[in-house]
Amino acid sequence: MATIPLHDGPSAGFDAPFEMLEACHGRVERMLSLLERLRSHLEQRGGAVDDQARQAARDVMRYFDLAAPNHHEDEERHVFPALREQGEAVLADRLQAEHAEMAAAWSALKPTLAALADGRWDAAVAPQWEAFVAMYRRHVADEDDRAYPAAAAAIDDRCLVRMAEEMAHRRGLR
């Protein structure tokens, strides 16, 4: 099992914020797939933890500790208000509530990965990992299919520039 380098940049830059958000979803999917492959890898090895498993656990933790919260904040500051302006408050409220649910699920799941990074694996956590992956995938699909197109329709070019600048600034890039 190979680890996924986290230093690769997204395929879009901050000058195209919705494309950047979609590229982030691509990285989310890679991390979710890595989590699934990690579970399979451990099952195939009878729960024996090797260096690849430890590194994969660290990679997943780094992503969901750093990048995912920034991504959620981008959506909460820019996408969800635009959805509400489009009359999609129910969708925006649900997606925002899901962010809180995903953060809670991550807080519960992270210690299982920290233990794995330290060489300890408990197969009993596999259903927790599966639920996390399913929750995130449903959420991302709703954002890609419904939220982003509706929000993009509500944001004019001037607001798009401000959105891009703020996203980059919060990451210390501009």
N, C-alpha and C. Protein backbone atom coordinates (compact mmCIF):
# COMPACT_ATOMS: atom_id res chain seq x y z
N MET A 1 0.86 -1.16 0.00
CA MET A 1 0.00 0.00 0.00
C MET A 1 0.90 1.22 0.00
N ALA A 2 0.65 2.13 -0.89
CA ALA A 2 1.42 3.36 -0.95
C ALA A 2 0.68 4.46 -0.21
N THR A 3 1.44 5.36 0.36
CA THR A 3 0.79 6.51 0.99
C THR A 3 0.54 7.55 -0.08
N ILE A 4 -0.35 8.44 0.22
CA ILE A 4 -0.69 9.50 -0.70
C ILE A 4 0.01 10.76 -0.24
N PRO A 5 0.86 11.35 -1.06
CA PRO A 5 1.54 12.56 -0.63
C PRO A 5 0.53 13.69 -0.43
N LEU A 6 0.67 14.39 0.67
CA LEU A 6 -0.27 15.46 0.95
C LEU A 6 0.23 16.81 0.48
N HIS A 7 1.44 16.86 -0.02
CA HIS A 7 1.98 18.15 -0.45
C HIS A 7 1.57 18.52 -1.86
N ASP A 8 0.99 17.58 -2.60
CA ASP A 8 0.52 17.91 -3.94
C ASP A 8 -0.58 18.95 -3.84
N GLY A 9 -0.47 19.98 -4.62
CA GLY A 9 -1.47 21.03 -4.60
C GLY A 9 -2.71 20.61 -5.36
N PRO A 10 -3.78 21.31 -5.12
CA PRO A 10 -4.99 21.01 -5.88
C PRO A 10 -4.80 21.38 -7.34
N SER A 11 -5.66 20.84 -8.17
CA SER A 11 -5.54 21.11 -9.60
C SER A 11 -6.04 22.50 -9.97
N ALA A 12 -6.64 23.21 -9.03
CA ALA A 12 -7.12 24.57 -9.26
C ALA A 12 -6.52 25.47 -8.20
N GLY A 13 -6.40 26.75 -8.54
CA GLY A 13 -5.85 27.70 -7.58
C GLY A 13 -6.93 28.55 -6.95
N PHE A 14 -6.51 29.44 -6.07
CA PHE A 14 -7.46 30.29 -5.36
C PHE A 14 -8.16 31.28 -6.29
N ASP A 15 -7.61 31.48 -7.49
CA ASP A 15 -8.27 32.38 -8.43
C ASP A 15 -9.55 31.77 -8.99
N ALA A 16 -9.77 30.50 -8.75
CA ALA A 16 -10.99 29.81 -9.17
C ALA A 16 -11.53 29.06 -7.95
N PRO A 17 -12.18 29.78 -7.02
CA PRO A 17 -12.51 29.18 -5.73
C PRO A 17 -13.42 27.96 -5.78
N PHE A 18 -14.40 27.94 -6.67
CA PHE A 18 -15.26 26.76 -6.71
C PHE A 18 -14.52 25.54 -7.27
N GLU A 19 -13.64 25.78 -8.24
CA GLU A 19 -12.82 24.69 -8.74
C GLU A 19 -11.87 24.21 -7.64
N MET A 20 -11.38 25.15 -6.84
CA MET A 20 -10.51 24.81 -5.71
C MET A 20 -11.27 23.94 -4.70
N LEU A 21 -12.50 24.33 -4.39
CA LEU A 21 -13.31 23.54 -3.46
C LEU A 21 -13.55 22.13 -4.01
N GLU A 22 -13.82 22.04 -5.32
CA GLU A 22 -14.02 20.72 -5.93
C GLU A 22 -12.74 19.89 -5.90
N ALA A 23 -11.58 20.55 -6.11
CA ALA A 23 -10.31 19.83 -6.02
C ALA A 23 -10.08 19.32 -4.60
N CYS A 24 -10.51 20.09 -3.62
CA CYS A 24 -10.41 19.63 -2.22
C CYS A 24 -11.26 18.38 -2.03
N HIS A 25 -12.40 18.34 -2.67
CA HIS A 25 -13.23 17.13 -2.57
C HIS A 25 -12.52 15.93 -3.18
N GLY A 26 -11.73 16.16 -4.21
CA GLY A 26 -10.93 15.08 -4.78
C GLY A 26 -9.92 14.55 -3.76
N ARG A 27 -9.32 15.46 -3.00
CA ARG A 27 -8.37 15.04 -1.97
C ARG A 27 -9.09 14.33 -0.83
N VAL A 28 -10.29 14.80 -0.48
CA VAL A 28 -11.09 14.11 0.54
C VAL A 28 -11.32 12.67 0.09
N GLU A 29 -11.71 12.49 -1.15
CA GLU A 29 -11.97 11.14 -1.66
C GLU A 29 -10.70 10.29 -1.60
N ARG A 30 -9.56 10.85 -1.93
CA ARG A 30 -8.32 10.09 -1.84
C ARG A 30 -8.04 9.65 -0.40
N MET A 31 -8.32 10.54 0.56
CA MET A 31 -8.10 10.19 1.96
C MET A 31 -9.11 9.13 2.43
N LEU A 32 -10.35 9.24 1.98
CA LEU A 32 -11.35 8.22 2.34
C LEU A 32 -10.97 6.87 1.74
N SER A 33 -10.50 6.88 0.51
CA SER A 33 -10.06 5.64 -0.14
C SER A 33 -8.84 5.06 0.57
N LEU A 34 -7.94 5.95 1.01
CA LEU A 34 -6.77 5.49 1.76
C LEU A 34 -7.21 4.83 3.07
N LEU A 35 -8.18 5.40 3.73
CA LEU A 35 -8.70 4.82 4.96
C LEU A 35 -9.28 3.42 4.69
N GLU A 36 -10.02 3.28 3.60
CA GLU A 36 -10.57 1.97 3.23
C GLU A 36 -9.46 0.96 2.91
N ARG A 37 -8.47 1.40 2.14
CA ARG A 37 -7.36 0.51 1.79
C ARG A 37 -6.56 0.13 3.03
N LEU A 38 -6.44 1.08 3.95
CA LEU A 38 -5.72 0.81 5.19
C LEU A 38 -6.42 -0.29 5.99
N ARG A 39 -7.71 -0.18 6.10
CA ARG A 39 -8.47 -1.22 6.81
C ARG A 39 -8.27 -2.58 6.15
N SER A 40 -8.39 -2.64 4.83
CA SER A 40 -8.19 -3.90 4.10
C SER A 40 -6.77 -4.43 4.30
N HIS A 41 -5.81 -3.55 4.25
CA HIS A 41 -4.41 -3.92 4.44
C HIS A 41 -4.21 -4.57 5.81
N LEU A 42 -4.79 -3.96 6.83
CA LEU A 42 -4.65 -4.49 8.18
C LEU A 42 -5.37 -5.83 8.32
N GLU A 43 -6.53 -5.95 7.71
CA GLU A 43 -7.27 -7.21 7.76
C GLU A 43 -6.48 -8.33 7.08
N GLN A 44 -5.87 -8.02 5.94
CA GLN A 44 -5.09 -9.01 5.21
C GLN A 44 -3.86 -9.46 6.00
N ARG A 45 -3.35 -8.56 6.82
CA ARG A 45 -2.16 -8.86 7.63
C ARG A 45 -2.53 -9.40 9.01
N GLY A 46 -3.80 -9.71 9.20
CA GLY A 46 -4.22 -10.23 10.49
C GLY A 46 -4.08 -9.23 11.62
N GLY A 47 -4.15 -7.95 11.28
CA GLY A 47 -4.04 -6.89 12.28
C GLY A 47 -2.63 -6.46 12.59
N ALA A 48 -1.65 -7.09 11.95
CA ALA A 48 -0.26 -6.71 12.17
C ALA A 48 -0.01 -5.34 11.55
N VAL A 49 0.55 -4.44 12.33
CA VAL A 49 0.79 -3.06 11.89
C VAL A 49 2.21 -2.95 11.36
N ASP A 50 2.34 -2.46 10.12
CA ASP A 50 3.65 -2.24 9.53
C ASP A 50 3.87 -0.75 9.32
N ASP A 51 5.04 -0.40 8.79
CA ASP A 51 5.38 1.02 8.59
C ASP A 51 4.42 1.70 7.61
N GLN A 52 3.98 0.97 6.59
CA GLN A 52 3.04 1.55 5.62
C GLN A 52 1.73 1.92 6.31
N ALA A 53 1.25 1.07 7.18
CA ALA A 53 0.00 1.35 7.90
C ALA A 53 0.17 2.54 8.82
N ARG A 54 1.30 2.61 9.51
CA ARG A 54 1.55 3.75 10.40
C ARG A 54 1.56 5.06 9.61
N GLN A 55 2.25 5.05 8.48
CA GLN A 55 2.35 6.26 7.68
C GLN A 55 0.99 6.64 7.09
N ALA A 56 0.23 5.68 6.64
CA ALA A 56 -1.10 5.98 6.11
C ALA A 56 -1.98 6.59 7.20
N ALA A 57 -1.90 6.06 8.41
CA ALA A 57 -2.67 6.63 9.52
C ALA A 57 -2.27 8.08 9.76
N ARG A 58 -0.97 8.36 9.73
CA ARG A 58 -0.50 9.75 9.93
C ARG A 58 -0.98 10.65 8.80
N ASP A 59 -0.97 10.14 7.56
CA ASP A 59 -1.43 10.93 6.42
C ASP A 59 -2.91 11.31 6.56
N VAL A 60 -3.73 10.34 6.93
CA VAL A 60 -5.16 10.61 7.10
C VAL A 60 -5.39 11.61 8.23
N MET A 61 -4.67 11.43 9.33
CA MET A 61 -4.82 12.37 10.46
C MET A 61 -4.42 13.79 10.05
N ARG A 62 -3.32 13.91 9.35
CA ARG A 62 -2.85 15.24 8.94
C ARG A 62 -3.90 15.92 8.05
N TYR A 63 -4.47 15.17 7.12
CA TYR A 63 -5.45 15.77 6.22
C TYR A 63 -6.69 16.25 7.00
N PHE A 64 -7.26 15.36 7.79
CA PHE A 64 -8.51 15.71 8.47
C PHE A 64 -8.31 16.66 9.65
N ASP A 65 -7.08 16.78 10.13
CA ASP A 65 -6.78 17.77 11.17
C ASP A 65 -6.57 19.17 10.60
N LEU A 66 -6.00 19.27 9.41
CA LEU A 66 -5.59 20.56 8.85
C LEU A 66 -6.44 21.02 7.68
N ALA A 67 -6.45 20.25 6.63
CA ALA A 67 -7.10 20.69 5.39
C ALA A 67 -8.62 20.67 5.49
N ALA A 68 -9.17 19.63 6.06
CA ALA A 68 -10.64 19.51 6.12
C ALA A 68 -11.29 20.67 6.89
N PRO A 69 -10.77 21.05 8.06
CA PRO A 69 -11.39 22.19 8.75
C PRO A 69 -11.33 23.50 7.95
N ASN A 70 -10.22 23.74 7.25
CA ASN A 70 -10.14 24.94 6.39
C ASN A 70 -11.18 24.88 5.29
N HIS A 71 -11.33 23.72 4.70
CA HIS A 71 -12.31 23.54 3.62
C HIS A 71 -13.73 23.80 4.14
N HIS A 72 -14.05 23.24 5.30
CA HIS A 72 -15.38 23.46 5.87
C HIS A 72 -15.61 24.94 6.16
N GLU A 73 -14.58 25.60 6.66
CA GLU A 73 -14.74 27.03 6.94
C GLU A 73 -14.96 27.82 5.65
N ASP A 74 -14.26 27.45 4.58
CA ASP A 74 -14.50 28.10 3.29
C ASP A 74 -15.97 28.00 2.91
N GLU A 75 -16.52 26.81 3.04
CA GLU A 75 -17.92 26.60 2.67
C GLU A 75 -18.86 27.38 3.58
N GLU A 76 -18.58 27.38 4.87
CA GLU A 76 -19.46 28.07 5.81
C GLU A 76 -19.42 29.58 5.64
N ARG A 77 -18.29 30.11 5.22
CA ARG A 77 -18.16 31.56 5.01
C ARG A 77 -18.70 32.02 3.66
N HIS A 78 -18.61 31.16 2.65
CA HIS A 78 -18.90 31.61 1.29
C HIS A 78 -20.01 30.84 0.59
N VAL A 79 -20.00 29.54 0.67
CA VAL A 79 -20.98 28.73 -0.07
C VAL A 79 -22.34 28.77 0.60
N PHE A 80 -22.38 28.53 1.90
CA PHE A 80 -23.67 28.42 2.58
C PHE A 80 -24.43 29.75 2.60
N PRO A 81 -23.77 30.90 2.81
CA PRO A 81 -24.52 32.16 2.70
C PRO A 81 -25.09 32.38 1.29
N ALA A 82 -24.32 32.00 0.27
CA ALA A 82 -24.82 32.14 -1.10
C ALA A 82 -26.01 31.21 -1.34
N LEU A 83 -25.97 30.03 -0.76
CA LEU A 83 -27.12 29.12 -0.87
C LEU A 83 -28.36 29.75 -0.24
N ARG A 84 -28.17 30.34 0.92
CA ARG A 84 -29.30 30.97 1.60
C ARG A 84 -29.88 32.10 0.76
N GLU A 85 -29.02 32.85 0.07
CA GLU A 85 -29.49 33.92 -0.82
C GLU A 85 -30.29 33.35 -1.99
N GLN A 86 -30.00 32.12 -2.37
CA GLN A 86 -30.70 31.46 -3.48
C GLN A 86 -31.98 30.76 -3.01
N GLY A 87 -32.33 30.94 -1.75
CA GLY A 87 -33.53 30.29 -1.24
C GLY A 87 -33.31 28.84 -0.84
N GLU A 88 -32.06 28.46 -0.66
CA GLU A 88 -31.70 27.08 -0.32
C GLU A 88 -31.22 26.99 1.13
N ALA A 89 -31.92 27.68 2.03
CA ALA A 89 -31.52 27.69 3.44
C ALA A 89 -31.58 26.30 4.06
N VAL A 90 -32.56 25.51 3.69
CA VAL A 90 -32.67 24.16 4.27
C VAL A 90 -31.43 23.33 3.91
N LEU A 91 -31.01 23.41 2.67
CA LEU A 91 -29.81 22.69 2.24
C LEU A 91 -28.58 23.23 2.97
N ALA A 92 -28.44 24.54 3.02
CA ALA A 92 -27.28 25.14 3.70
C ALA A 92 -27.25 24.75 5.17
N ASP A 93 -28.39 24.80 5.82
CA ASP A 93 -28.44 24.44 7.24
C ASP A 93 -28.10 22.97 7.46
N ARG A 94 -28.58 22.10 6.59
CA ARG A 94 -28.28 20.68 6.72
C ARG A 94 -26.79 20.42 6.52
N LEU A 95 -26.21 21.03 5.47
CA LEU A 95 -24.79 20.82 5.21
C LEU A 95 -23.94 21.36 6.35
N GLN A 96 -24.34 22.50 6.90
CA GLN A 96 -23.58 23.06 8.02
C GLN A 96 -23.69 22.15 9.25
N ALA A 97 -24.87 21.62 9.50
CA ALA A 97 -25.04 20.68 10.62
C ALA A 97 -24.20 19.43 10.38
N GLU A 98 -24.11 18.99 9.14
CA GLU A 98 -23.28 17.82 8.83
C GLU A 98 -21.81 18.10 9.11
N HIS A 99 -21.36 19.34 8.90
CA HIS A 99 -19.98 19.68 9.24
C HIS A 99 -19.72 19.40 10.72
N ALA A 100 -20.67 19.79 11.56
CA ALA A 100 -20.51 19.55 13.01
C ALA A 100 -20.52 18.05 13.29
N GLU A 101 -21.39 17.31 12.62
CA GLU A 101 -21.45 15.85 12.81
C GLU A 101 -20.15 15.19 12.34
N MET A 102 -19.62 15.66 11.22
CA MET A 102 -18.37 15.08 10.71
C MET A 102 -17.21 15.42 11.63
N ALA A 103 -17.20 16.63 12.19
CA ALA A 103 -16.14 17.00 13.13
C ALA A 103 -16.21 16.11 14.38
N ALA A 104 -17.41 15.84 14.86
CA ALA A 104 -17.57 14.96 16.02
C ALA A 104 -17.14 13.54 15.67
N ALA A 105 -17.51 13.07 14.50
CA ALA A 105 -17.12 11.72 14.06
C ALA A 105 -15.59 11.64 13.93
N TRP A 106 -14.98 12.71 13.41
CA TRP A 106 -13.52 12.73 13.28
C TRP A 106 -12.87 12.70 14.66
N SER A 107 -13.40 13.46 15.60
CA SER A 107 -12.84 13.46 16.96
C SER A 107 -12.89 12.06 17.58
N ALA A 108 -13.93 11.32 17.27
CA ALA A 108 -14.04 9.96 17.79
C ALA A 108 -13.14 8.98 17.04
N LEU A 109 -12.94 9.20 15.76
CA LEU A 109 -12.16 8.29 14.93
C LEU A 109 -10.66 8.53 15.06
N LYS A 110 -10.25 9.77 15.25
CA LYS A 110 -8.82 10.11 15.27
C LYS A 110 -8.01 9.28 16.27
N PRO A 111 -8.50 9.04 17.49
CA PRO A 111 -7.70 8.23 18.42
C PRO A 111 -7.41 6.82 17.89
N THR A 112 -8.28 6.28 17.05
CA THR A 112 -8.03 4.95 16.50
C THR A 112 -6.86 5.00 15.52
N LEU A 113 -6.74 6.12 14.81
CA LEU A 113 -5.61 6.28 13.89
C LEU A 113 -4.33 6.62 14.65
N ALA A 114 -4.45 7.39 15.71
CA ALA A 114 -3.28 7.70 16.53
C ALA A 114 -2.71 6.42 17.14
N ALA A 115 -3.60 5.54 17.59
CA ALA A 115 -3.14 4.26 18.13
C ALA A 115 -2.45 3.44 17.04
N LEU A 116 -3.03 3.48 15.85
CA LEU A 116 -2.45 2.75 14.72
C LEU A 116 -1.07 3.32 14.37
N ALA A 117 -0.94 4.63 14.37
CA ALA A 117 0.36 5.26 14.10
C ALA A 117 1.39 4.84 15.14
N ASP A 118 0.91 4.49 16.33
CA ASP A 118 1.80 4.01 17.40
C ASP A 118 1.97 2.49 17.37
N GLY A 119 1.36 1.83 16.37
CA GLY A 119 1.56 0.40 16.21
C GLY A 119 0.47 -0.48 16.78
N ARG A 120 -0.65 0.12 17.21
CA ARG A 120 -1.73 -0.68 17.81
C ARG A 120 -2.98 -0.60 16.93
N TRP A 121 -3.55 -1.76 16.63
CA TRP A 121 -4.76 -1.82 15.79
C TRP A 121 -5.81 -2.65 16.50
N ASP A 122 -7.03 -2.10 16.52
CA ASP A 122 -8.17 -2.82 17.08
C ASP A 122 -9.21 -2.94 15.96
N ALA A 123 -9.39 -4.15 15.47
CA ALA A 123 -10.30 -4.38 14.34
C ALA A 123 -11.74 -3.98 14.66
N ALA A 124 -12.07 -3.83 15.92
CA ALA A 124 -13.44 -3.46 16.30
C ALA A 124 -13.82 -2.06 15.83
N VAL A 125 -12.83 -1.25 15.43
CA VAL A 125 -13.13 0.12 14.99
C VAL A 125 -13.51 0.19 13.52
N ALA A 126 -13.40 -0.92 12.78
CA ALA A 126 -13.69 -0.90 11.35
C ALA A 126 -15.08 -0.33 11.02
N PRO A 127 -16.14 -0.69 11.75
CA PRO A 127 -17.45 -0.09 11.43
C PRO A 127 -17.47 1.43 11.61
N GLN A 128 -16.73 1.92 12.58
CA GLN A 128 -16.63 3.37 12.80
C GLN A 128 -15.98 4.03 11.59
N TRP A 129 -14.93 3.43 11.07
CA TRP A 129 -14.27 3.96 9.88
C TRP A 129 -15.23 3.94 8.69
N GLU A 130 -15.95 2.85 8.52
CA GLU A 130 -16.89 2.73 7.40
C GLU A 130 -17.98 3.79 7.48
N ALA A 131 -18.50 4.04 8.67
CA ALA A 131 -19.54 5.06 8.85
C ALA A 131 -19.01 6.45 8.52
N PHE A 132 -17.78 6.73 8.92
CA PHE A 132 -17.15 8.02 8.62
C PHE A 132 -17.01 8.21 7.12
N VAL A 133 -16.53 7.19 6.44
CA VAL A 133 -16.36 7.26 4.99
C VAL A 133 -17.71 7.50 4.31
N ALA A 134 -18.72 6.75 4.70
CA ALA A 134 -20.05 6.90 4.08
C ALA A 134 -20.63 8.28 4.32
N MET A 135 -20.49 8.79 5.56
CA MET A 135 -21.00 10.12 5.89
C MET A 135 -20.34 11.19 5.03
N TYR A 136 -19.03 11.13 4.93
CA TYR A 136 -18.29 12.13 4.15
C TYR A 136 -18.66 12.05 2.67
N ARG A 137 -18.77 10.85 2.14
CA ARG A 137 -19.09 10.70 0.71
C ARG A 137 -20.48 11.25 0.39
N ARG A 138 -21.45 10.99 1.24
CA ARG A 138 -22.80 11.55 1.00
C ARG A 138 -22.75 13.08 1.02
N HIS A 139 -22.04 13.61 1.97
CA HIS A 139 -21.94 15.07 2.12
C HIS A 139 -21.27 15.70 0.88
N VAL A 140 -20.16 15.15 0.48
CA VAL A 140 -19.44 15.68 -0.68
C VAL A 140 -20.31 15.62 -1.94
N ALA A 141 -21.03 14.54 -2.11
CA ALA A 141 -21.91 14.41 -3.29
C ALA A 141 -22.98 15.50 -3.28
N ASP A 142 -23.58 15.77 -2.13
CA ASP A 142 -24.58 16.84 -2.05
C ASP A 142 -23.98 18.20 -2.37
N GLU A 143 -22.78 18.44 -1.89
CA GLU A 143 -22.14 19.72 -2.18
C GLU A 143 -21.81 19.84 -3.66
N ASP A 144 -21.22 18.80 -4.24
CA ASP A 144 -20.84 18.86 -5.65
C ASP A 144 -22.07 18.95 -6.57
N ASP A 145 -23.09 18.17 -6.26
CA ASP A 145 -24.25 18.09 -7.15
C ASP A 145 -25.25 19.23 -6.96
N ARG A 146 -25.40 19.71 -5.74
CA ARG A 146 -26.45 20.68 -5.46
C ARG A 146 -25.92 22.02 -4.94
N ALA A 147 -25.07 21.98 -3.94
CA ALA A 147 -24.68 23.22 -3.26
C ALA A 147 -23.79 24.11 -4.11
N TYR A 148 -22.74 23.55 -4.67
CA TYR A 148 -21.81 24.38 -5.43
C TYR A 148 -22.46 25.03 -6.65
N PRO A 149 -23.23 24.28 -7.45
CA PRO A 149 -23.86 24.95 -8.60
C PRO A 149 -24.82 26.08 -8.17
N ALA A 150 -25.60 25.85 -7.13
CA ALA A 150 -26.54 26.89 -6.69
C ALA A 150 -25.81 28.09 -6.12
N ALA A 151 -24.77 27.86 -5.32
CA ALA A 151 -24.01 28.97 -4.73
C ALA A 151 -23.27 29.74 -5.81
N ALA A 152 -22.67 29.05 -6.75
CA ALA A 152 -21.93 29.72 -7.82
C ALA A 152 -22.83 30.64 -8.62
N ALA A 153 -24.08 30.26 -8.78
CA ALA A 153 -25.03 31.10 -9.51
C ALA A 153 -25.35 32.39 -8.76
N ALA A 154 -25.15 32.39 -7.45
CA ALA A 154 -25.48 33.56 -6.63
C ALA A 154 -24.31 34.52 -6.44
N ILE A 155 -23.12 34.09 -6.82
CA ILE A 155 -21.92 34.89 -6.54
C ILE A 155 -21.43 35.55 -7.82
N ASP A 156 -21.38 36.89 -7.81
CA ASP A 156 -20.89 37.61 -8.99
C ASP A 156 -19.35 37.63 -8.98
N ASP A 157 -18.78 38.15 -10.05
CA ASP A 157 -17.32 38.12 -10.21
C ASP A 157 -16.60 38.86 -9.09
N ARG A 158 -17.13 40.00 -8.68
CA ARG A 158 -16.49 40.78 -7.62
C ARG A 158 -16.48 39.99 -6.31
N CYS A 159 -17.58 39.34 -5.98
CA CYS A 159 -17.65 38.52 -4.76
C CYS A 159 -16.75 37.29 -4.88
N LEU A 160 -16.63 36.77 -6.09
CA LEU A 160 -15.77 35.61 -6.32
C LEU A 160 -14.31 35.97 -6.04
N VAL A 161 -13.91 37.17 -6.46
CA VAL A 161 -12.54 37.63 -6.20
C VAL A 161 -12.32 37.77 -4.70
N ARG A 162 -13.28 38.37 -3.98
CA ARG A 162 -13.15 38.50 -2.52
C ARG A 162 -13.09 37.12 -1.85
N MET A 163 -13.91 36.21 -2.34
CA MET A 163 -13.92 34.85 -1.81
C MET A 163 -12.53 34.22 -1.97
N ALA A 164 -11.97 34.33 -3.16
CA ALA A 164 -10.65 33.76 -3.44
C ALA A 164 -9.58 34.39 -2.56
N GLU A 165 -9.63 35.71 -2.44
CA GLU A 165 -8.63 36.41 -1.62
C GLU A 165 -8.72 35.99 -0.16
N GLU A 166 -9.93 35.87 0.34
CA GLU A 166 -10.09 35.49 1.74
C GLU A 166 -9.65 34.05 1.99
N MET A 167 -9.96 33.16 1.08
CA MET A 167 -9.54 31.76 1.23
C MET A 167 -8.02 31.67 1.27
N ALA A 168 -7.34 32.38 0.39
CA ALA A 168 -5.88 32.36 0.35
C ALA A 168 -5.30 33.05 1.59
N HIS A 169 -5.89 34.17 1.99
CA HIS A 169 -5.38 34.91 3.14
C HIS A 169 -5.47 34.08 4.42
N ARG A 170 -6.57 33.39 4.61
CA ARG A 170 -6.72 32.57 5.83
C ARG A 170 -5.67 31.47 5.90
N ARG A 171 -5.12 31.11 4.77
CA ARG A 171 -4.06 30.08 4.74
C ARG A 171 -2.67 30.71 4.69
N GLY A 172 -2.62 32.04 4.82
CA GLY A 172 -1.34 32.73 4.83
C GLY A 172 -0.67 32.80 3.48
N LEU A 173 -1.44 32.72 2.40
CA LEU A 173 -0.86 32.70 1.06
C LEU A 173 -0.89 34.03 0.35
N ARG A 174 -1.63 34.99 0.85
CA ARG A 174 -1.67 36.32 0.20
C ARG A 174 -1.68 37.37 1.27
